[in-house]
C-alpha atoms as a PDB file:
ATOM      1  CA  MET A   1      31.591  -6.900 -14.041  1.00  0.00           C
ATOM      2  CA  LYS A   2      29.682 -10.061 -13.496  1.00  0.00           C
ATOM      3  CA  THR A   3      27.227 -11.285 -16.571  1.00  0.00           C
ATOM      4  CA  ALA A   4      24.207 -12.750 -16.707  1.00  0.00           C
ATOM      5  CA  TRP A   5      25.840 -15.815 -17.483  1.00  0.00           C
ATOM      6  CA  ASP A   6      28.100 -15.718 -14.475  1.00  0.00           C
ATOM      7  CA  ASN A   7      24.464 -15.407 -12.177  1.00  0.00           C
ATOM      8  CA  LEU A   8      22.972 -18.106 -13.757  1.00  0.00           C
ATOM      9  CA  GLN A   9      26.173 -20.443 -12.311  1.00  0.00           C
ATOM     10  CA  ILE A  10      25.576 -18.859  -8.848  1.00  0.00           C
ATOM     11  CA  ILE A  11      22.239 -19.630  -8.858  1.00  0.00           C
ATOM     12  CA  ARG A  12      22.593 -22.922 -10.096  1.00  0.00           C
ATOM     13  CA  GLU A  13      24.928 -23.642  -6.700  1.00  0.00           C
ATOM     14  CA  LYS A  14      23.788 -26.922  -5.534  1.00  0.00           C
ATOM     15  CA  ASN A  15      24.106 -25.115  -2.072  1.00  0.00           C
ATOM     16  CA  ARG A  16      22.265 -22.218  -2.619  1.00  0.00           C
ATOM     17  CA  PRO A  17      19.155 -21.446  -0.134  1.00  0.00           C
ATOM     18  CA  THR A  18      15.799 -22.397  -0.666  1.00  0.00           C
ATOM     19  CA  VAL A  19      12.236 -21.353   0.160  1.00  0.00           C
ATOM     20  CA  ARG A  20      12.440 -24.083   2.533  1.00  0.00           C
ATOM     21  CA  ASP A  21      15.595 -22.575   4.270  1.00  0.00           C
ATOM     22  CA  TYR A  22      14.029 -18.850   4.148  1.00  0.00           C
ATOM     23  CA  ILE A  23      10.858 -19.666   6.081  1.00  0.00           C
ATOM     24  CA  PRO A  24      11.816 -20.504   9.253  1.00  0.00           C
ATOM     25  CA  MET A  25      14.019 -17.469   9.042  1.00  0.00           C
ATOM     26  CA  ILE A  26      11.671 -15.184   7.807  1.00  0.00           C
ATOM     27  CA  PHE A  27       8.040 -15.714   8.843  1.00  0.00           C
ATOM     28  CA  ARG A  28       6.595 -16.826  12.767  1.00  0.00           C
ATOM     29  CA  ASP A  29       3.938 -19.893  13.368  1.00  0.00           C
ATOM     30  CA  PHE A  30       4.295 -20.781   9.599  1.00  0.00           C
ATOM     31  CA  ILE A  31       1.406 -23.386   8.778  1.00  0.00           C
ATOM     32  CA  GLU A  32       1.620 -24.976   5.926  1.00  0.00           C
ATOM     33  CA  LEU A  33      -1.641 -26.029   3.354  1.00  0.00           C
ATOM     34  CA  HIS A  34      -2.200 -28.349   1.302  1.00  0.00           C
ATOM     35  CA  GLY A  35      -4.002 -29.281  -2.425  1.00  0.00           C
ATOM     36  CA  ASP A  36      -6.088 -27.436  -4.666  1.00  0.00           C
ATOM     37  CA  ARG A  37      -9.390 -29.067  -3.917  1.00  0.00           C
ATOM     38  CA  LEU A  38      -9.231 -30.284  -7.660  1.00  0.00           C
ATOM     39  CA  TYR A  39      -6.730 -32.688  -8.302  1.00  0.00           C
ATOM     40  CA  GLY A  40      -4.003 -33.155  -5.857  1.00  0.00           C
ATOM     41  CA  ASP A  41      -1.513 -31.676  -4.053  1.00  0.00           C
ATOM     42  CA  ASP A  42       1.739 -29.985  -5.693  1.00  0.00           C
ATOM     43  CA  ALA A  43       5.227 -30.139  -4.364  1.00  0.00           C
ATOM     44  CA  ALA A  44       6.404 -27.646  -6.212  1.00  0.00           C
ATOM     45  CA  ILE A  45       4.523 -25.207  -4.976  1.00  0.00           C
ATOM     46  CA  LEU A  46       4.213 -24.681  -1.284  1.00  0.00           C
ATOM     47  CA  GLY A  47       1.726 -22.644   0.479  1.00  0.00           C
ATOM     48  CA  GLY A  48       0.435 -21.407   4.214  1.00  0.00           C
ATOM     49  CA  ILE A  49       0.024 -18.849   6.445  1.00  0.00           C
ATOM     50  CA  GLY A  50       2.546 -17.270   8.747  1.00  0.00           C
ATOM     51  CA  MET A  51       3.373 -14.185  10.786  1.00  0.00           C
ATOM     52  CA  ALA A  52       5.721 -11.055   9.347  1.00  0.00           C
ATOM     53  CA  GLY A  53       6.125  -9.538  12.444  1.00  0.00           C
ATOM     54  CA  ASP A  54       2.835  -8.770  13.379  1.00  0.00           C
ATOM     55  CA  MET A  55       0.766  -9.371  10.339  1.00  0.00           C
ATOM     56  CA  PRO A  56      -0.121 -12.444   9.521  1.00  0.00           C
ATOM     57  CA  VAL A  57       0.379 -13.049   5.521  1.00  0.00           C
ATOM     58  CA  THR A  58      -0.166 -15.999   3.209  1.00  0.00           C
ATOM     59  CA  VAL A  59       2.974 -17.265   1.499  1.00  0.00           C
ATOM     60  CA  LEU A  60       3.586 -18.456  -2.440  1.00  0.00           C
ATOM     61  CA  ALA A  61       6.409 -20.212  -3.329  1.00  0.00           C
ATOM     62  CA  GLN A  62       8.227 -22.495  -5.747  1.00  0.00           C
ATOM     63  CA  VAL A  63      10.069 -25.243  -4.190  1.00  0.00           C
ATOM     64  CA  LYS A  64      13.530 -26.133  -5.174  1.00  0.00           C
ATOM     65  CA  GLY A  65      15.856 -29.292  -3.708  1.00  0.00           C
ATOM     66  CA  ARG A  66      19.338 -28.713  -2.799  1.00  0.00           C
ATOM     67  CA  ASP A  67      20.096 -32.558  -4.082  1.00  0.00           C
ATOM     68  CA  LEU A  68      18.597 -35.461  -6.386  1.00  0.00           C
ATOM     69  CA  LYS A  69      16.038 -36.548  -3.516  1.00  0.00           C
ATOM     70  CA  GLU A  70      14.782 -33.135  -2.974  1.00  0.00           C
ATOM     71  CA  ASN A  71      14.509 -32.252  -6.309  1.00  0.00           C
ATOM     72  CA  GLN A  72      12.695 -35.359  -7.606  1.00  0.00           C
ATOM     73  CA  ALA A  73       9.969 -34.474  -4.626  1.00  0.00           C
ATOM     74  CA  SER A  74      10.095 -31.254  -5.894  1.00  0.00           C
ATOM     75  CA  ASN A  75      10.096 -32.275  -9.485  1.00  0.00           C
ATOM     76  CA  PHE A  76      13.196 -30.172 -10.059  1.00  0.00           C
ATOM     77  CA  ALA A  77      10.587 -26.845  -9.016  1.00  0.00           C
ATOM     78  CA  MET A  78       8.377 -27.228 -12.081  1.00  0.00           C
ATOM     79  CA  PRO A  79       4.590 -26.989 -11.089  1.00  0.00           C
ATOM     80  CA  HIS A  80       1.766 -28.753 -12.209  1.00  0.00           C
ATOM     81  CA  PRO A  81      -1.564 -26.928 -12.951  1.00  0.00           C
ATOM     82  CA  GLU A  82      -2.562 -28.463  -9.246  1.00  0.00           C
ATOM     83  CA  GLY A  83       0.266 -26.276  -7.881  1.00  0.00           C
ATOM     84  CA  TYR A  84      -0.696 -22.899  -9.742  1.00  0.00           C
ATOM     85  CA  ARG A  85      -4.935 -24.000  -8.316  1.00  0.00           C
ATOM     86  CA  LYS A  86      -3.517 -24.156  -5.124  1.00  0.00           C
ATOM     87  CA  ALA A  87      -1.610 -20.771  -4.997  1.00  0.00           C
ATOM     88  CA  LEU A  88      -4.421 -19.817  -6.698  1.00  0.00           C
ATOM     89  CA  ARG A  89      -6.946 -20.783  -3.577  1.00  0.00           C
ATOM     90  CA  LEU A  90      -4.818 -19.644  -1.134  1.00  0.00           C
ATOM     91  CA  ALA A  91      -4.683 -16.017  -2.718  1.00  0.00           C
ATOM     92  CA  HIS A  92      -8.290 -15.936  -2.712  1.00  0.00           C
ATOM     93  CA  GLN A  93      -8.319 -17.084   0.966  1.00  0.00           C
ATOM     94  CA  ALA A  94      -5.660 -14.300   1.699  1.00  0.00           C
ATOM     95  CA  GLU A  95      -8.263 -11.974  -0.025  1.00  0.00           C
ATOM     96  CA  LYS A  96     -11.515 -12.909   1.891  1.00  0.00           C
ATOM     97  CA  PHE A  97      -9.390 -12.396   5.149  1.00  0.00           C
ATOM     98  CA  HIS A  98      -7.681  -9.625   3.813  1.00  0.00           C
ATOM     99  CA  ARG A  99      -3.485 -10.960   4.658  1.00  0.00           C
ATOM    100  CA  PRO A 100      -1.227  -9.869   1.566  1.00  0.00           C
ATOM    101  CA  VAL A 101       0.336 -11.852  -0.332  1.00  0.00           C
ATOM    102  CA  ILE A 102       4.227 -13.192  -0.499  1.00  0.00           C
ATOM    103  CA  CYS A 103       5.279 -14.888  -3.324  1.00  0.00           C
ATOM    104  CA  PHE A 104       8.432 -16.479  -3.589  1.00  0.00           C
ATOM    105  CA  ILE A 105       9.717 -17.149  -7.359  1.00  0.00           C
ATOM    106  CA  ASP A 106      12.273 -19.802  -8.061  1.00  0.00           C
ATOM    107  CA  THR A 107      11.568 -22.308 -11.154  1.00  0.00           C
ATOM    108  CA  PRO A 108      13.085 -22.918 -14.204  1.00  0.00           C
ATOM    109  CA  GLY A 109       9.442 -23.268 -16.221  1.00  0.00           C
ATOM    110  CA  ALA A 110       6.312 -24.689 -15.404  1.00  0.00           C
ATOM    111  CA  PHE A 111       6.145 -28.750 -16.065  1.00  0.00           C
ATOM    112  CA  CYS A 112       5.562 -29.583 -20.303  1.00  0.00           C
ATOM    113  CA  GLY A 113       4.108 -33.189 -19.091  1.00  0.00           C
ATOM    114  CA  VAL A 114       1.122 -35.234 -21.355  1.00  0.00           C
ATOM    115  CA  GLY A 115      -0.314 -35.184 -17.357  1.00  0.00           C
ATOM    116  CA  ALA A 116       0.528 -31.468 -16.955  1.00  0.00           C
ATOM    117  CA  GLU A 117      -0.495 -30.199 -20.212  1.00  0.00           C
ATOM    118  CA  GLU A 118      -4.031 -32.505 -20.347  1.00  0.00           C
ATOM    119  CA  ARG A 119      -4.803 -31.163 -16.757  1.00  0.00           C
ATOM    120  CA  GLY A 120      -4.823 -27.641 -18.209  1.00  0.00           C
ATOM    121  CA  GLN A 121      -1.363 -26.413 -17.909  1.00  0.00           C
ATOM    122  CA  GLY A 122      -1.825 -23.025 -19.768  1.00  0.00           C
ATOM    123  CA  GLU A 123      -4.868 -22.483 -18.424  1.00  0.00           C
ATOM    124  CA  ALA A 124      -3.916 -22.692 -14.845  1.00  0.00           C
ATOM    125  CA  ILE A 125      -1.022 -20.159 -15.588  1.00  0.00           C
ATOM    126  CA  ALA A 126      -2.901 -17.729 -17.440  1.00  0.00           C
ATOM    127  CA  ARG A 127      -6.464 -17.840 -14.776  1.00  0.00           C
ATOM    128  CA  ASN A 128      -3.263 -16.955 -12.217  1.00  0.00           C
ATOM    129  CA  MET A 129      -2.416 -14.405 -13.941  1.00  0.00           C
ATOM    130  CA  MET A 130      -5.598 -12.594 -14.566  1.00  0.00           C
ATOM    131  CA  GLU A 131      -7.018 -13.298 -11.164  1.00  0.00           C
ATOM    132  CA  PHE A 132      -3.800 -12.093  -9.716  1.00  0.00           C
ATOM    133  CA  MET A 133      -3.979  -8.884 -11.416  1.00  0.00           C
ATOM    134  CA  GLU A 134      -7.500  -8.171  -9.572  1.00  0.00           C
ATOM    135  CA  LEU A 135      -7.142  -9.790  -6.721  1.00  0.00           C
ATOM    136  CA  LYS A 136      -8.007  -7.564  -3.472  1.00  0.00           C
ATOM    137  CA  THR A 137      -4.986  -7.510  -1.275  1.00  0.00           C
ATOM    138  CA  PRO A 138      -1.052  -6.857  -1.261  1.00  0.00           C
ATOM    139  CA  VAL A 139       0.863  -8.971  -3.227  1.00  0.00           C
ATOM    140  CA  ILE A 140       4.779  -9.058  -3.456  1.00  0.00           C
ATOM    141  CA  SER A 141       6.673 -11.519  -5.150  1.00  0.00           C
ATOM    142  CA  ILE A 142      10.857 -12.236  -4.418  1.00  0.00           C
ATOM    143  CA  VAL A 143      12.735 -13.820  -7.279  1.00  0.00           C
ATOM    144  CA  LEU A 144      15.458 -15.859  -4.890  1.00  0.00           C
ATOM    145  CA  GLY A 145      16.659 -17.665  -8.264  1.00  0.00           C
ATOM    146  CA  GLU A 146      15.300 -18.578 -11.243  1.00  0.00           C
ATOM    147  CA  GLY A 147      11.966 -16.694 -12.727  1.00  0.00           C
ATOM    148  CA  GLY A 148      11.627 -18.901 -16.115  1.00  0.00           C
ATOM    149  CA  SER A 149       8.803 -18.462 -18.493  1.00  0.00           C
ATOM    150  CA  GLY A 150       5.430 -18.674 -17.684  1.00  0.00           C
ATOM    151  CA  GLY A 151       5.906 -20.856 -15.090  1.00  0.00           C
ATOM    152  CA  ALA A 152       7.202 -17.798 -12.842  1.00  0.00           C
ATOM    153  CA  LEU A 153       4.457 -15.461 -14.399  1.00  0.00           C
ATOM    154  CA  ALA A 154       1.856 -17.395 -12.808  1.00  0.00           C
ATOM    155  CA  LEU A 155       3.042 -15.848  -9.264  1.00  0.00           C
ATOM    156  CA  GLY A 156       4.848 -12.655 -11.043  1.00  0.00           C
ATOM    157  CA  VAL A 157       1.566 -10.544 -11.131  1.00  0.00           C
ATOM    158  CA  CYS A 158       2.015  -7.984  -8.504  1.00  0.00           C
ATOM    159  CA  ASP A 159       2.251  -4.650  -6.917  1.00  0.00           C
ATOM    160  CA  GLU A 160       5.872  -4.826  -6.134  1.00  0.00           C
ATOM    161  CA  LEU A 161       8.494  -7.132  -7.345  1.00  0.00           C
ATOM    162  CA  ALA A 162      12.099  -7.910  -5.656  1.00  0.00           C
ATOM    163  CA  MET A 163      14.639  -9.732  -7.212  1.00  0.00           C
ATOM    164  CA  LEU A 164      18.032 -11.352  -5.437  1.00  0.00           C
ATOM    165  CA  GLU A 165      20.664  -9.784  -6.741  1.00  0.00           C
ATOM    166  CA  ASN A 166      21.672 -12.632  -8.845  1.00  0.00           C
ATOM    167  CA  ALA A 167      18.610 -13.188  -9.607  1.00  0.00           C
ATOM    168  CA  ILE A 168      17.084 -13.622 -13.364  1.00  0.00           C
ATOM    169  CA  TYR A 169      13.950 -13.323 -14.906  1.00  0.00           C
ATOM    170  CA  SER A 170      12.943 -14.420 -18.413  1.00  0.00           C
ATOM    171  CA  VAL A 171      10.760 -15.079 -20.953  1.00  0.00           C
ATOM    172  CA  ILE A 172      12.721 -17.972 -21.683  1.00  0.00           C
ATOM    173  CA  SER A 173      15.843 -19.721 -20.578  1.00  0.00           C
ATOM    174  CA  PRO A 174      19.169 -19.022 -22.011  1.00  0.00           C
ATOM    175  CA  ARG A 175      19.361 -22.520 -23.244  1.00  0.00           C
ATOM    176  CA  GLY A 176      15.660 -22.556 -25.294  1.00  0.00           C
ATOM    177  CA  ALA A 177      16.394 -18.865 -26.740  1.00  0.00           C
ATOM    178  CA  ALA A 178      19.265 -20.580 -27.925  1.00  0.00           C
ATOM    179  CA  SER A 179      17.770 -23.250 -29.237  1.00  0.00           C
ATOM    180  CA  ILE A 180      15.469 -20.948 -30.877  1.00  0.00           C
ATOM    181  CA  LEU A 181      17.568 -18.341 -31.930  1.00  0.00           C
ATOM    182  CA  TRP A 182      20.314 -20.197 -33.772  1.00  0.00           C
ATOM    183  CA  LYS A 183      19.373 -23.783 -33.258  1.00  0.00           C
ATOM    184  CA  ASP A 184      22.315 -24.883 -31.423  1.00  0.00           C
ATOM    185  CA  ALA A 185      21.657 -24.900 -27.297  1.00  0.00           C
ATOM    186  CA  SER A 186      25.219 -24.854 -27.260  1.00  0.00           C
ATOM    187  CA  ARG A 187      25.420 -21.179 -27.405  1.00  0.00           C
ATOM    188  CA  GLU A 188      23.384 -20.910 -23.986  1.00  0.00           C
ATOM    189  CA  LYS A 189      26.281 -18.885 -22.431  1.00  0.00           C
ATOM    190  CA  GLU A 190      26.081 -15.860 -25.710  1.00  0.00           C
ATOM    191  CA  ALA A 191      22.128 -16.221 -25.191  1.00  0.00           C
ATOM    192  CA  ALA A 192      22.041 -15.547 -21.081  1.00  0.00           C
ATOM    193  CA  ASN A 193      24.368 -12.289 -22.050  1.00  0.00           C
ATOM    194  CA  ILE A 194      22.347 -10.780 -24.443  1.00  0.00           C
ATOM    195  CA  LEU A 195      18.633 -11.675 -23.118  1.00  0.00           C
ATOM    196  CA  ARG A 196      18.759  -8.968 -20.582  1.00  0.00           C
ATOM    197  CA  ILE A 197      17.867 -11.033 -17.503  1.00  0.00           C
ATOM    198  CA  THR A 198      19.627  -9.804 -14.585  1.00  0.00           C
ATOM    199  CA  ALA A 199      18.005  -8.256 -11.386  1.00  0.00           C
ATOM    200  CA  SER A 200      19.321  -4.718 -12.733  1.00  0.00           C
ATOM    201  CA  ASP A 201      18.006  -5.085 -16.433  1.00  0.00           C
ATOM    202  CA  LEU A 202      14.780  -5.702 -14.908  1.00  0.00           C
ATOM    203  CA  VAL A 203      14.712  -3.244 -12.734  1.00  0.00           C
ATOM    204  CA  GLU A 204      16.384  -0.911 -15.607  1.00  0.00           C
ATOM    205  CA  PHE A 205      13.447  -2.283 -18.025  1.00  0.00           C
ATOM    206  CA  GLY A 206      10.617  -1.155 -14.648  1.00  0.00           C
ATOM    207  CA  VAL A 207       9.705  -4.587 -14.514  1.00  0.00           C
ATOM    208  CA  ALA A 208      11.378  -4.892 -10.906  1.00  0.00           C
ATOM    209  CA  GLU A 209      11.184  -2.209  -8.437  1.00  0.00           C
ATOM    210  CA  THR A 210      13.985  -3.665  -6.291  1.00  0.00           C
ATOM    211  CA  VAL A 211      17.262  -5.728  -5.934  1.00  0.00           C
ATOM    212  CA  ILE A 212      17.831  -7.012  -2.745  1.00  0.00           C
ATOM    213  CA  PRO A 213      22.057  -7.397  -2.008  1.00  0.00           C
ATOM    214  CA  GLU A 214      23.891 -10.914  -1.862  1.00  0.00           C
ATOM    215  CA  PRO A 215      26.890 -11.442  -0.043  1.00  0.00           C
ATOM    216  CA  VAL A 216      29.886 -11.600  -1.860  1.00  0.00           C
ATOM    217  CA  GLY A 217      30.201 -14.898  -3.853  1.00  0.00           C
ATOM    218  CA  GLY A 218      25.871 -15.260  -4.135  1.00  0.00           C
ATOM    219  CA  ALA A 219      23.227 -16.261  -1.010  1.00  0.00           C
ATOM    220  CA  HIS A 220      25.035 -19.938  -0.179  1.00  0.00           C
ATOM    221  CA  ASN A 221      28.160 -17.918   1.612  1.00  0.00           C
ATOM    222  CA  ASP A 222      25.892 -16.505   4.057  1.00  0.00           C
ATOM    223  CA  PRO A 223      22.129 -18.089   4.562  1.00  0.00           C
ATOM    224  CA  GLN A 224      21.528 -16.295   7.877  1.00  0.00           C
ATOM    225  CA  LEU A 225      22.484 -12.882   5.894  1.00  0.00           C
ATOM    226  CA  MET A 226      20.206 -13.103   2.914  1.00  0.00           C
ATOM    227  CA  GLY A 227      16.744 -14.228   5.314  1.00  0.00           C
ATOM    228  CA  LYS A 228      17.302 -11.235   7.374  1.00  0.00           C
ATOM    229  CA  ARG A 229      17.975  -9.044   4.076  1.00  0.00           C
ATOM    230  CA  ILE A 230      14.808 -10.682   2.630  1.00  0.00           C
ATOM    231  CA  SER A 231      12.798 -10.165   5.874  1.00  0.00           C
ATOM    232  CA  GLU A 232      13.774  -6.547   6.106  1.00  0.00           C
ATOM    233  CA  TYR A 233      13.239  -5.952   2.775  1.00  0.00           C
ATOM    234  CA  ILE A 234       9.426  -7.345   3.537  1.00  0.00           C
ATOM    235  CA  LEU A 235       8.562  -5.803   6.672  1.00  0.00           C
ATOM    236  CA  ALA A 236       9.031  -2.467   5.088  1.00  0.00           C
ATOM    237  CA  THR A 237       7.210  -3.189   1.770  1.00  0.00           C
ATOM    238  CA  ILE A 238       3.791  -4.567   3.125  1.00  0.00           C
ATOM    239  CA  PRO A 239       3.208  -1.797   5.323  1.00  0.00           C
ATOM    240  CA  LYS A 240       3.123   0.835   1.618  1.00  0.00           C
ATOM    241  CA  TYR A 241       0.873  -0.981   0.441  1.00  0.00           C
ATOM    242  CA  THR A 242      -1.753  -1.967   3.195  1.00  0.00           C
ATOM    243  CA  LYS A 243      -2.282   1.363   3.281  1.00  0.00           C
ATOM    244  CA  ILE A 244      -3.404   2.152  -0.210  1.00  0.00           C
ATOM    245  CA  PRO A 245      -7.554   2.104  -0.510  1.00  0.00           C
ATOM    246  CA  ILE A 246      -7.854  -1.398  -2.523  1.00  0.00           C
ATOM    247  CA  ALA A 247      -9.666   0.236  -5.456  1.00  0.00           C
ATOM    248  CA  LYS A 248      -6.193   2.372  -6.219  1.00  0.00           C
ATOM    249  CA  LEU A 249      -3.969  -0.574  -5.142  1.00  0.00           C
ATOM    250  CA  LEU A 250      -5.958  -2.513  -8.358  1.00  0.00           C
ATOM    251  CA  GLU A 251      -5.226   0.481 -10.357  1.00  0.00           C
ATOM    252  CA  ASN A 252      -1.769   1.027  -9.698  1.00  0.00           C
ATOM    253  CA  ARG A 253      -1.077  -2.933 -10.200  1.00  0.00           C
ATOM    254  CA  TYR A 254      -2.894  -2.420 -14.027  1.00  0.00           C
ATOM    255  CA  TYR A 255      -0.777   0.409 -15.091  1.00  0.00           C
ATOM    256  CA  LYS A 256       2.681  -1.219 -13.720  1.00  0.00           C
ATOM    257  CA  PHE A 257       1.706  -4.029 -16.418  1.00  0.00           C
ATOM    258  CA  ARG A 258       0.388  -1.670 -19.188  1.00  0.00           C
ATOM    259  CA  LYS A 259       3.399   0.007 -19.569  1.00  0.00           C
ATOM    260  CA  ILE A 260       5.853  -3.317 -19.546  1.00  0.00           C
ATOM    261  CA  GLY A 261       7.158  -4.060 -22.723  1.00  0.00           C
ATOM    262  CA  VAL A 262       6.885  -0.094 -24.288  1.00  0.00           C
ATOM    263  CA  PHE A 263       9.247   0.030 -27.102  1.00  0.00           C
ATOM    264  CA  THR A 264      10.217   2.316 -29.547  1.00  0.00           C
ATOM    265  CA  GLU A 265      11.984   0.971 -33.308  1.00  0.00           C
ATOM    266  CA  GLN A 266      14.846   2.731 -34.583  1.00  0.00           C
ATOM    267  CA  LYS A 267      15.513   1.420 -38.872  1.00  0.00           C
ATOM    268  CA  GLY A 268      18.286  -0.170 -39.328  1.00  0.00           C
ATOM    269  CA  VAL A 269      19.358  -1.452 -36.299  1.00  0.00           C
ATOM    270  CA  ASN A 270      19.714  -5.181 -35.626  1.00  0.00           C
ATOM    271  CA  PRO A 271      19.038  -6.344 -32.307  1.00  0.00           C
ATOM    272  CA  LEU A 272      21.273  -9.125 -32.533  1.00  0.00           C
END
């Protein structure tokens, strides 16, 4: 049986498909749009418009690279605040034109450099979460690999969350958790296996709704098949939410997130 640590090794495989591989497989006539109209463009978040079947959609995605050059160009998939503001700008554009929003999550976390903090990283993430909660159009989010911390949550407020079979979704990276819990980052593997961060865990908790199966050994072993499965999921899911009246859609979205984190305490039990 695979562990969360096994999943981490699969999603960190350098040949694992990225969103730039998937977009041509899933969307027709995709046009990329740039900039937040406030500061600049952020290559860690890609945004644009394309056709999913016969329906125009807005695509928002965190961009990973396969090699050092690609990762440097996309800041290792760690967005700056202007990336989140670009995503929000395009989400509001989608709302105006009644286009569903498809978000692809794949980040170890938001960039925490001095410049990002000076430009309001925390505020940008918080505003995305607040305004996506009330976005008057369907939102579907798919975790392709890493869903790390607030950097992932900024694109994770949605009507339905799907995860690829080997993906993880976590409030903190296993290395970060080990550093905090035990002051020892070398216990990363141990932390990964107790954090409950796999796709099956997240469905069990009610955080995610769907697991998209991967080929044996991971998505990199058959990218075309993986693209087909993601496309089929999107085409089957969009109509389900476009038929719901907007007021009811927003109410359902609200209660989806209200129930996350509900727990009961049992005295005398140490969770660690």
